[in-house]
C-alpha cells in the first residue's frame, strides 16, 4: 500500500466531519462556520469510480490446464479484491461478470458506455477475440494477467502500438495487490472529469478553461473578491477561534505572526471550505499577488493557511491561481490519494539534486489519514507578513514532480528526498530531491515556467498509464 491511501478510513473520517490535520490533535469537530466536508475519495466529492470488472476466459482453452475451473478462478480473484477493500472503497463495479465468448462481450456494449473504464482479468488461453470486442467499445481498459494465464501476452506489445489498442494497457504480474494499481489511471480520469476548481481572479484564461473542460471535463469557475470577503465575515468568530487554537496547539512554534494574524487566516480558511461546499467543488485557488489586492476591497488575510488546511482535508488549495498546478494536484490525488506541494525550484548540480521551495507547506503530505509533519507558523518570507505553515518535510521517501502543460503534455521527474533544509534563503518550506537521472539535463530541459507540483512516492508508472489513456505526451525532463 506504498502509494495508495487507505481510502475506506479516509471516507469514514470525512463523513464524520471536518478533519483538521494538525499533528497529534487528531480530527477536529465540524466547524459551525464551515459545514462538513464529505468526500468520496481525496480530490473527489461527487461519486465513486465506476469500473467494469470483466473476467476473460474460454470454455475450450487448454492452457494453463485443461478443464480449468473458471468459476473458482473468479472466486479466487474476488477474494483478493476483498483483501483490498480499503484501496477500493471509492470504486464500484456496475458490471462484474465472467465473459467466455465474443458474443457475451458484444452484449455488454451498451452498459460499457456508463463506466469510467474497464478492468479485464485474464484467466486462460483463447481470449483474444473477446478482448478485441471489448476494446472496440473505446473505453480506457486495463488488463491484468498473471503467469500461466495464457499465451496472448505475446501479442499485447504489438496491440499497444496499434490503433485498436489506443485505449489499452496491461500488467503482467503474479502480485494480485497490483489490481489496485490497475484502477488508479481510471480513478484519475474520473477525478478530473468530476472536478470543479474555484479561482479567485479577475484574469481567467478563457481559452485554457474551455480546452480543459472539453478534454478532461474539469470545470473552472471564476469567483469574485466580494463573495469571498462576505464568506469570511459569515464565519462565526467562535469557529475561527477553535480553528486558531488547533493550529497553535499543533505548531512547534509561533514565530513572526501574531495570534490575531492566525485568527484571521483561520477564519478565511473556514470560508474557503464553505465556498467549496456551496459550489460542490474540491479545489480553491487565489491570484495571491494580483487581483486579491483590489483597490477598494482586500482579502482579509493571506490564503496560505487556508490552502494547507484544504490539502490536509483531501481537497485542494493552490497558490497564485496556477491552474496548471491545480490540474496536476487533482491528478496526484487520483493516482496516489496525496496532495501536491507547489514549489519554486533551484538546482544544485554538485549534488545532483534540486531544492523545491515554497512558503506554504502542507502538514499531511502523505495523505489525509496519515500523521502530520511538524510545522511552525511563519510569515510569507518575501513579504514578511501573513501566516504560512513552515513544514518540516519527511526525508527518505521517493518523490515525483510533475506539471500538466495545456491538455496534451505532462513534464515530470522522480528522485529521493534527501533533505529538508531550514535556511533563511528562498521560501519557508523546502525539500531537497536527489534526481533520478541527470540534474544538468533536468535544468537544460526545463521549460514552461517555474512552478511544478511534487507528490510523495514514485508514481511514474501511474502517470504513464494515465497519459496513455488521456492522450497526453509524457516527458521525463531528467533524461
Protein backbone atom coordinates (compact mmCIF):
# COMPACT_ATOMS: atom_id res chain seq x y z
CA UNK A 1 0.00 0.00 0.00
CA UNK A 2 3.03 2.25 -0.51
CA UNK A 3 1.30 4.60 -2.96
CA UNK A 4 -2.32 4.03 -2.05
CA UNK A 5 -4.20 5.92 0.62
CA UNK A 6 -6.37 3.83 2.97
CA UNK A 7 -9.47 5.13 1.24
CA UNK A 8 -12.00 3.41 3.49
CA UNK A 9 -10.51 5.03 6.59
CA UNK A 10 -10.45 8.37 4.79
CA UNK A 11 -14.10 8.11 3.79
CA UNK A 12 -15.16 7.21 7.34
CA UNK A 13 -13.28 10.20 8.76
CA UNK A 14 -14.54 12.75 6.24
CA UNK A 15 -18.10 11.52 6.54
CA UNK A 16 -17.93 12.23 10.27
CA UNK A 17 -16.99 15.88 9.76
CA UNK A 18 -14.13 18.26 9.19
CA UNK A 19 -10.59 17.00 9.61
CA UNK A 20 -8.11 19.49 10.97
CA UNK A 21 -4.98 17.52 10.10
CA UNK A 22 -2.95 19.19 12.82
CA UNK A 23 -0.42 16.79 14.28
CA UNK A 24 -1.35 14.94 17.44
CA UNK A 25 -4.64 16.76 17.86
CA UNK A 26 -6.41 14.33 15.52
CA UNK A 27 -9.75 15.00 13.82
CA UNK A 28 -11.49 18.20 14.73
CA UNK A 29 -15.19 18.62 15.29
CA UNK A 30 -17.14 20.17 12.41
CA UNK A 31 -16.72 23.93 12.43
CA UNK A 32 -20.10 25.63 12.55
CA UNK A 33 -18.94 28.27 10.10
CA UNK A 34 -17.73 25.78 7.53
CA UNK A 35 -20.28 22.99 7.42
CA UNK A 36 -18.95 19.49 6.89
CA UNK A 37 -16.65 18.11 4.26
CA UNK A 38 -17.78 14.77 2.90
CA UNK A 39 -15.65 13.26 0.15
CA UNK A 40 -15.88 10.01 -1.73
CA UNK A 41 -12.11 9.97 -2.07
CA UNK A 42 -9.30 12.54 -1.83
CA UNK A 43 -9.97 15.04 -4.59
CA UNK A 44 -13.46 13.74 -5.41
CA UNK A 45 -16.72 14.90 -3.84
CA UNK A 46 -19.45 13.63 -6.14
CA UNK A 47 -19.41 9.91 -6.98
CA UNK A 48 -17.47 6.68 -6.90
CA UNK A 49 -15.29 5.44 -9.75
CA UNK A 50 -17.33 3.13 -11.99
CA UNK A 51 -15.25 0.22 -13.26
CA UNK A 52 -16.43 -2.71 -15.37
CA UNK A 53 -14.75 -5.79 -13.86
CA UNK A 54 -14.67 -8.46 -16.53
CA UNK A 55 -13.06 -11.89 -16.11
CA UNK A 56 -11.88 -13.14 -19.50
CA UNK A 57 -11.88 -16.88 -20.05
CA UNK A 58 -12.55 -19.55 -22.63
CA UNK A 59 -14.53 -22.74 -22.06
CA UNK A 60 -12.34 -24.60 -24.56
CA UNK A 61 -8.91 -23.23 -23.58
CA UNK A 62 -6.28 -25.84 -22.67
CA UNK A 63 -3.76 -23.50 -21.04
CA UNK A 64 -2.77 -23.20 -18.19
CA UNK A 65 -4.52 -26.59 -17.85
CA UNK A 66 -7.45 -28.48 -19.37
CA UNK A 67 -10.75 -28.21 -17.55
CA UNK A 68 -9.72 -25.12 -15.61
CA UNK A 69 -12.50 -24.21 -13.19
CA UNK A 70 -13.20 -20.66 -14.34
CA UNK A 71 -15.74 -20.03 -11.59
CA UNK A 72 -13.17 -20.98 -8.98
CA UNK A 73 -10.66 -18.65 -10.62
CA UNK A 74 -13.17 -15.80 -10.40
CA UNK A 75 -13.79 -16.58 -6.73
CA UNK A 76 -10.07 -16.50 -6.00
CA UNK A 77 -9.73 -13.07 -7.58
CA UNK A 78 -12.75 -11.73 -5.74
CA UNK A 79 -11.15 -12.91 -2.51
CA UNK A 80 -8.10 -10.86 -3.47
CA UNK A 81 -10.32 -7.82 -4.01
CA UNK A 82 -11.94 -8.41 -0.63
CA UNK A 83 -8.46 -8.07 0.88
CA UNK A 84 -8.10 -4.63 -0.76
CA UNK A 85 -11.35 -3.05 0.41
CA UNK A 86 -9.52 0.00 1.74
CA UNK A 87 -7.85 0.72 -1.60
CA UNK A 88 -11.09 0.04 -3.47
CA UNK A 89 -13.50 1.80 -1.10
CA UNK A 90 -14.22 4.53 -3.67
CA UNK A 91 -14.75 2.06 -6.55
CA UNK A 92 -17.92 0.30 -7.63
CA UNK A 93 -18.31 -2.45 -10.24
CA UNK A 94 -21.63 -1.95 -12.07
CA UNK A 95 -20.52 -4.66 -14.50
CA UNK A 96 -18.96 -7.64 -12.74
CA UNK A 97 -19.01 -10.89 -14.66
CA UNK A 98 -17.22 -13.76 -16.34
CA UNK A 99 -17.17 -13.48 -20.13
CA UNK A 100 -16.25 -16.54 -22.18
CA UNK A 101 -17.22 -15.56 -25.73
CA UNK A 102 -17.17 -12.68 -28.16
CA UNK A 103 -20.96 -12.74 -28.23
CA UNK A 104 -21.12 -12.18 -24.48
CA UNK A 105 -18.68 -9.30 -24.80
CA UNK A 106 -20.74 -7.76 -27.58
CA UNK A 107 -23.84 -7.83 -25.35
CA UNK A 108 -22.03 -5.57 -22.85
CA UNK A 109 -21.50 -2.76 -25.34
CA UNK A 110 -24.41 -0.61 -24.19
CA UNK A 111 -23.64 -0.95 -20.48
CA UNK A 112 -19.96 -0.10 -21.01
CA UNK A 113 -20.92 3.42 -22.08
CA UNK A 114 -21.67 4.28 -18.47
CA UNK A 115 -18.38 3.27 -16.84
CA UNK A 116 -15.15 5.21 -16.30
CA UNK A 117 -13.06 2.30 -17.50
CA UNK A 118 -12.69 -1.46 -17.77
CA UNK A 119 -10.58 -3.86 -15.74
CA UNK A 120 -10.02 -7.15 -17.55
CA UNK A 121 -8.66 -10.17 -15.71
CA UNK A 122 -7.12 -12.79 -17.97
CA UNK A 123 -7.89 -16.35 -16.80
CA UNK A 124 -6.87 -18.72 -19.63
CA UNK A 125 -5.97 -19.05 -23.29
CA UNK A 126 -8.16 -18.26 -26.33
CA UNK A 127 -9.49 -14.86 -25.20
CA UNK A 128 -8.13 -12.62 -27.97
CA UNK A 129 -11.34 -12.20 -29.97
CA UNK A 130 -13.23 -11.40 -26.78
CA UNK A 131 -10.58 -8.87 -25.78
CA UNK A 132 -10.74 -7.12 -29.15
CA UNK A 133 -14.53 -6.90 -28.95
CA UNK A 134 -14.31 -5.21 -25.56
CA UNK A 135 -11.64 -2.80 -26.82
CA UNK A 136 -13.96 -1.79 -29.65
CA UNK A 137 -16.13 -0.05 -27.03
CA UNK A 138 -13.41 2.62 -26.87
CA UNK A 139 -13.19 2.78 -23.07
CA UNK A 140 -9.88 3.00 -21.14
CA UNK A 141 -9.07 -0.65 -20.48
CA UNK A 142 -6.54 -2.19 -18.11
CA UNK A 143 -5.79 -5.91 -18.46
CA UNK A 144 -4.31 -7.88 -15.55
CA UNK A 145 -2.60 -11.18 -16.38
CA UNK A 146 -0.65 -13.48 -14.09
CA UNK A 147 1.90 -16.02 -15.36
CA UNK A 148 0.21 -19.11 -16.86
CA UNK A 149 -2.93 -17.18 -17.78
CA UNK A 150 -2.38 -17.71 -21.50
CA UNK A 151 -0.10 -17.07 -24.46
CA UNK A 152 -1.86 -13.87 -25.57
CA UNK A 153 0.71 -11.73 -23.75
CA UNK A 154 2.99 -12.29 -26.74
CA UNK A 155 0.58 -10.15 -28.82
CA UNK A 156 -0.02 -7.40 -26.28
CA UNK A 157 3.10 -5.44 -27.17
CA UNK A 158 2.01 -5.25 -30.80
CA UNK A 159 -1.56 -4.38 -29.79
CA UNK A 160 -0.30 -1.45 -27.71
CA UNK A 161 1.19 0.05 -30.87
CA UNK A 162 -1.96 -0.35 -32.97
CA UNK A 163 -4.93 2.00 -33.25
CA UNK A 164 -7.29 -0.63 -31.83
CA UNK A 165 -5.09 -0.76 -28.73
CA UNK A 166 -5.00 3.02 -28.19
CA UNK A 167 -7.15 2.72 -25.05
CA UNK A 168 -5.48 -0.46 -23.80
CA UNK A 169 -2.74 -1.15 -21.28
CA UNK A 170 -1.78 -4.26 -19.36
CA UNK A 171 0.03 -5.56 -16.31
CA UNK A 172 1.81 -8.94 -16.38
CA UNK A 173 2.46 -9.85 -12.76
CA UNK A 174 1.81 -12.51 -10.13
CA UNK A 175 1.25 -9.81 -7.49
CA UNK A 176 -2.51 -9.52 -7.16
CA UNK A 177 -2.14 -6.44 -4.97
CA UNK A 178 -1.33 -4.67 -8.22
CA UNK A 179 -5.03 -4.90 -9.08
CA UNK A 180 -5.34 -1.70 -7.02
CA UNK A 181 -2.70 -0.06 -9.23
CA UNK A 182 -4.65 -1.10 -12.31
CA UNK A 183 -7.56 1.05 -11.15
CA UNK A 184 -5.50 4.21 -10.47
CA UNK A 185 -5.48 5.69 -14.00
CA UNK A 186 -9.24 5.12 -14.23
CA UNK A 187 -9.69 6.89 -10.90
CA UNK A 188 -7.57 9.84 -12.06
CA UNK A 189 -9.65 10.24 -15.22
CA UNK A 190 -12.82 10.13 -13.11
CA UNK A 191 -11.49 12.69 -10.63
CA UNK A 192 -10.55 15.16 -13.37
CA UNK A 193 -13.92 14.69 -15.07
CA UNK A 194 -15.82 15.46 -11.85
CA UNK A 195 -13.50 18.19 -10.54
CA UNK A 196 -14.52 21.80 -10.07
CA UNK A 197 -11.93 24.49 -9.37
CA UNK A 198 -12.86 27.86 -7.86
CA UNK A 199 -10.49 30.61 -8.99
CA UNK A 200 -10.47 33.98 -7.23
CA UNK A 201 -9.12 36.17 -10.01
CA UNK A 202 -10.03 38.92 -12.45
CA UNK A 203 -7.92 37.34 -15.21
CA UNK A 204 -9.49 33.99 -16.07
CA UNK A 205 -7.79 32.43 -19.14
CA UNK A 206 -10.95 31.53 -21.03
CA UNK A 207 -9.21 29.61 -23.82
CA UNK A 208 -7.47 27.31 -21.32
CA UNK A 209 -10.66 26.90 -19.29
CA UNK A 210 -12.53 25.78 -22.39
CA UNK A 211 -9.81 23.37 -23.50
CA UNK A 212 -9.62 21.73 -20.08
CA UNK A 213 -13.39 21.36 -19.91
CA UNK A 214 -13.56 19.85 -23.38
CA UNK A 215 -10.77 17.31 -22.88
CA UNK A 216 -10.95 16.30 -19.22
CA UNK A 217 -14.40 17.51 -18.13
CA UNK A 218 -12.90 19.71 -15.41
CA UNK A 219 -14.87 22.86 -14.58
CA UNK A 220 -13.01 26.04 -13.65
CA UNK A 221 -15.23 28.78 -12.19
CA UNK A 222 -14.20 32.34 -11.54
CA UNK A 223 -15.38 33.85 -8.25
CA UNK A 224 -15.04 37.48 -7.18
CA UNK A 225 -13.45 39.11 -4.17
CA UNK A 226 -16.67 40.45 -2.58
CA UNK A 227 -18.11 36.94 -2.40
CA UNK A 228 -15.02 35.63 -0.63
CA UNK A 229 -14.98 38.56 1.78
CA UNK A 230 -18.67 38.00 2.55
CA UNK A 231 -17.97 34.33 3.23
CA UNK A 232 -15.17 35.38 5.58
CA UNK A 233 -17.43 37.65 7.59
CA UNK A 234 -20.11 34.94 7.74
CA UNK A 235 -17.80 32.56 9.64
CA UNK A 236 -18.64 32.73 13.37
CA UNK A 237 -15.78 34.02 15.49
CA UNK A 238 -16.20 31.02 17.80
CA UNK A 239 -15.47 28.63 14.94
CA UNK A 240 -12.44 30.66 13.84
CA UNK A 241 -11.14 30.76 17.44
CA UNK A 242 -11.45 26.98 17.72
CA UNK A 243 -9.58 26.54 14.44
CA UNK A 244 -6.93 29.00 15.62
CA UNK A 245 -6.43 27.02 18.82
CA UNK A 246 -5.91 23.81 16.83
CA UNK A 247 -3.26 25.36 14.60
CA UNK A 248 -1.47 26.97 17.54
CA UNK A 249 -1.51 23.80 19.64
CA UNK A 250 -0.31 21.73 16.68
CA UNK A 251 2.56 24.08 15.83
CA UNK A 252 6.04 23.51 17.23
CA UNK A 253 6.47 27.31 17.31
CA UNK A 254 4.65 30.53 16.50
CA UNK A 255 7.44 32.68 15.09
CA UNK A 256 6.63 36.00 13.40
CA UNK A 257 2.80 36.20 13.10
CA UNK A 258 0.58 37.43 15.89
CA UNK A 259 -2.28 35.32 17.23
CA UNK A 260 -4.63 37.82 15.62
CA UNK A 261 -2.97 37.10 12.26
CA UNK A 262 -3.54 33.39 12.78
CA UNK A 263 -7.18 34.03 13.73
CA UNK A 264 -7.81 35.96 10.50
CA UNK A 265 -6.12 33.25 8.43
CA UNK A 266 -8.21 30.56 10.13
CA UNK A 267 -11.41 32.50 9.53
CA UNK A 268 -10.52 32.75 5.84
CA UNK A 269 -9.65 29.03 5.82
CA UNK A 270 -13.14 28.14 7.06
CA UNK A 271 -14.63 30.48 4.45
CA UNK A 272 -12.74 28.61 1.71
CA UNK A 273 -14.18 25.30 2.87
CA UNK A 274 -17.69 26.77 2.93
CA UNK A 275 -17.32 28.13 -0.60
CA UNK A 276 -16.18 24.75 -1.89
CA UNK A 277 -19.12 23.11 -0.18
CA UNK A 278 -21.59 25.60 -1.69
CA UNK A 279 -20.21 25.03 -5.17
CA UNK A 280 -19.74 21.27 -4.81
CA UNK A 281 -16.10 21.93 -5.72
CA UNK A 282 -12.85 20.42 -4.47
CA UNK A 283 -10.13 22.97 -5.32
CA UNK A 284 -9.64 26.63 -4.38
CA UNK A 285 -7.01 28.91 -5.87
CA UNK A 286 -6.36 32.63 -5.45
CA UNK A 287 -4.47 35.18 -7.54
CA UNK A 288 -2.38 35.88 -4.44
CA UNK A 289 -0.24 38.73 -5.77
CA UNK A 290 -2.73 40.12 -8.24
CA UNK A 291 -6.47 40.51 -8.04
CA UNK A 292 -6.68 39.62 -4.35
CA UNK A 293 -5.38 43.13 -3.62
CA UNK A 294 -8.27 45.15 -5.04
CA UNK A 295 -8.10 48.94 -4.77
CA UNK A 296 -11.39 49.18 -2.88
CA UNK A 297 -11.68 45.84 -1.11
CA UNK A 298 -8.99 43.48 0.12
CA UNK A 299 -8.82 39.87 1.12
CA UNK A 300 -8.75 39.96 4.95
CA UNK A 301 -5.79 37.59 5.21
CA UNK A 302 -3.28 35.66 3.16
CA UNK A 303 -4.79 32.40 1.80
CA UNK A 304 -1.81 30.15 2.60
CA UNK A 305 -3.02 28.57 5.83
CA UNK A 306 -6.41 28.03 4.22
CA UNK A 307 -4.77 26.25 1.30
CA UNK A 308 -2.79 23.99 3.64
CA UNK A 309 -5.95 23.14 5.55
CA UNK A 310 -7.79 22.19 2.34
CA UNK A 311 -4.89 19.96 1.29
CA UNK A 312 -4.96 18.26 4.69
CA UNK A 313 -8.67 17.57 4.21
CA UNK A 314 -8.20 15.82 0.85
CA UNK A 315 -9.40 18.91 -1.02
CA UNK A 316 -7.06 21.31 -2.82
CA UNK A 317 -5.55 24.71 -2.05
CA UNK A 318 -3.44 26.06 -4.90
CA UNK A 319 -1.14 29.10 -4.82
CA UNK A 320 -1.18 32.03 -7.22
CA UNK A 321 -4.13 30.99 -9.42
CA UNK A 322 -1.88 28.40 -11.00
CA UNK A 323 -4.45 26.35 -12.91
CA UNK A 324 -1.84 24.01 -14.39
CA UNK A 325 -0.74 23.10 -10.88
CA UNK A 326 -4.38 22.76 -9.82
CA UNK A 327 -4.92 20.17 -12.55
CA UNK A 328 -1.72 18.35 -11.59
CA UNK A 329 -2.77 18.38 -7.93
CA UNK A 330 -6.08 16.69 -8.83
CA UNK A 331 -4.18 14.15 -10.91
CA UNK A 332 -1.89 13.25 -8.00
CA UNK A 333 -4.88 12.84 -5.69
CA UNK A 334 -6.47 10.45 -8.17
CA UNK A 335 -3.32 8.38 -8.56
CA UNK A 336 -1.93 8.44 -5.01
CA UNK A 337 -4.53 9.94 -2.67
CA UNK A 338 -1.98 12.58 -1.63
CA UNK A 339 -1.76 16.34 -2.05
CA UNK A 340 0.87 18.13 -4.08
CA UNK A 341 3.49 20.65 -2.98
CA UNK A 342 3.83 23.57 -5.37
CA UNK A 343 7.37 24.90 -5.47
CA UNK A 344 9.86 27.34 -6.94
CA UNK A 345 12.85 25.03 -7.52
CA UNK A 346 16.55 25.77 -7.58
CA UNK A 347 19.24 23.34 -8.80
CA UNK A 348 22.47 22.09 -7.22
CA UNK A 349 24.49 20.19 -9.83
CA UNK A 350 27.25 19.43 -7.31
CA UNK A 351 24.94 17.00 -5.51
CA UNK A 352 22.77 16.02 -8.46
CA UNK A 353 19.77 17.49 -6.67
CA UNK A 354 17.01 20.04 -6.94
CA UNK A 355 15.75 22.07 -3.99
CA UNK A 356 11.99 22.60 -4.00
CA UNK A 357 10.88 25.67 -2.06
CA UNK A 358 7.63 27.46 -1.33
CA UNK A 359 6.45 29.28 1.75
CA UNK A 360 3.23 27.30 2.11
CA UNK A 361 3.72 23.71 3.21
CA UNK A 362 1.07 21.06 3.79
CA UNK A 363 1.43 19.07 7.04
CA UNK A 364 -0.34 15.98 5.68
CA UNK A 365 1.76 15.42 2.56
CA UNK A 366 1.39 11.64 2.90
CA UNK A 367 -2.40 11.75 2.83
CA UNK A 368 -5.35 12.91 4.96
CA UNK A 369 -5.39 9.73 7.06
CA UNK A 370 -1.64 9.83 7.78
CA UNK A 371 0.19 11.64 10.61
CA UNK A 372 1.00 15.29 10.01
CA UNK A 373 4.56 16.55 9.67
CA UNK A 374 5.90 19.03 12.20
CA UNK A 375 5.35 22.70 11.34
CA UNK A 376 5.99 26.24 12.58
CA UNK A 377 3.71 29.17 11.87
CA UNK A 378 5.67 31.80 9.94
CA UNK A 379 5.15 34.81 7.69
CA UNK A 380 5.41 34.68 3.91
CA UNK A 381 9.17 35.14 3.54
CA UNK A 382 9.35 37.59 0.67
CA UNK A 383 6.59 39.79 2.12
CA UNK A 384 7.24 39.27 5.87
CA UNK A 385 3.50 39.22 6.51
CA UNK A 386 0.62 36.77 6.52
CA UNK A 387 0.64 33.25 8.00
CA UNK A 388 2.07 30.08 6.46
CA UNK A 389 2.76 26.59 7.81
CA UNK A 390 6.54 26.14 7.57
CA UNK A 391 6.54 22.34 7.32
CA UNK A 392 9.46 20.05 8.18
CA UNK A 393 9.17 17.63 5.27
CA UNK A 394 9.94 13.96 5.87
CA UNK A 395 13.25 12.77 4.42
CA UNK A 396 13.72 9.34 2.88
CA UNK A 397 10.80 8.58 0.56
CA UNK A 398 10.74 8.87 -3.20
CA UNK A 399 9.08 11.90 -4.75
CA UNK A 400 7.52 12.64 -8.12
CA UNK A 401 7.38 16.15 -9.53
CA UNK A 402 5.17 16.97 -12.49
CA UNK A 403 3.14 19.63 -14.25
CA UNK A 404 0.40 19.26 -16.85
CA UNK A 405 1.03 21.73 -19.68
CA UNK A 406 -2.12 22.62 -21.59
CA UNK A 407 -4.06 19.43 -22.26
CA UNK A 408 -1.53 17.29 -24.11
CA UNK A 409 1.87 17.43 -22.34
CA UNK A 410 2.97 16.29 -18.89
CA UNK A 411 6.52 17.00 -17.70
CA UNK A 412 7.93 15.04 -14.77
CA UNK A 413 10.91 13.56 -12.96
CA UNK A 414 11.44 11.43 -9.85
CA UNK A 415 14.03 11.28 -7.10
CA UNK A 416 14.85 10.63 -3.45
CA UNK A 417 14.01 13.17 -0.75
CA UNK A 418 17.39 13.58 0.95
CA UNK A 419 16.99 16.77 2.98
CA UNK A 420 14.52 19.34 4.29
CA UNK A 421 16.66 22.48 4.54
CA UNK A 422 15.81 25.07 7.19
CA UNK A 423 17.82 28.05 5.99
CA UNK A 424 16.92 31.73 5.78
CA UNK A 425 17.01 31.84 2.00
CA UNK A 426 14.27 31.30 -0.53
CA UNK A 427 10.84 30.29 0.73
CA UNK A 428 9.95 28.78 4.11
CA UNK A 429 9.17 25.12 3.35
CA UNK A 430 11.83 23.21 1.42
CA UNK A 431 12.83 19.73 0.42
CA UNK A 432 15.88 18.53 -1.49
CA UNK A 433 15.40 15.79 -4.06
CA UNK A 434 18.33 13.83 -5.48
CA UNK A 435 17.27 13.42 -9.09
CA UNK A 436 16.77 10.03 -10.71
CA UNK A 437 18.71 10.77 -13.86
CA UNK A 438 20.81 13.84 -14.54
CA UNK A 439 20.31 17.16 -12.73
CA UNK A 440 22.10 19.04 -15.52
CA UNK A 441 19.81 17.55 -18.15
CA UNK A 442 16.87 18.43 -15.92
CA UNK A 443 17.60 22.14 -15.86
CA UNK A 444 18.61 22.26 -19.51
CA UNK A 445 15.34 20.55 -20.46
CA UNK A 446 13.30 22.79 -18.14
CA UNK A 447 10.54 24.75 -19.89
CA UNK A 448 7.10 26.24 -19.38
CA UNK A 449 7.76 28.33 -16.30
CA UNK A 450 8.92 27.74 -12.76
CA UNK A 451 6.11 26.07 -10.81
CA UNK A 452 5.86 22.31 -10.51
CA UNK A 453 3.87 20.05 -8.17
CA UNK A 454 5.57 17.39 -6.02
CA UNK A 455 3.90 14.30 -4.60
CA UNK A 456 5.35 11.86 -2.07
CA UNK A 457 6.02 8.47 -3.70
CA UNK A 458 7.13 7.30 -7.12
CA UNK A 459 4.01 7.46 -9.28
CA UNK A 460 5.83 7.47 -12.63
CA UNK A 461 4.22 4.23 -13.81
CA UNK A 462 0.79 5.52 -12.82
CA UNK A 463 1.45 8.72 -14.77
CA UNK A 464 2.47 6.65 -17.76
CA UNK A 465 -0.81 4.72 -17.74
CA UNK A 466 -2.90 7.83 -17.20
CA UNK A 467 -1.17 9.65 -20.05
CA UNK A 468 -1.75 6.73 -22.39
CA UNK A 469 -5.49 6.83 -21.75
CA UNK A 470 -5.73 10.64 -21.67
CA UNK A 471 -3.71 11.01 -24.88
CA UNK A 472 -1.11 13.15 -23.13
CA UNK A 473 2.58 13.12 -24.05
CA UNK A 474 4.73 12.19 -21.04
CA UNK A 475 8.29 13.60 -20.89
CA UNK A 476 10.90 12.86 -18.23
CA UNK A 477 12.90 16.10 -18.01
CA UNK A 478 15.88 14.41 -16.28
CA UNK A 479 16.85 12.01 -19.08
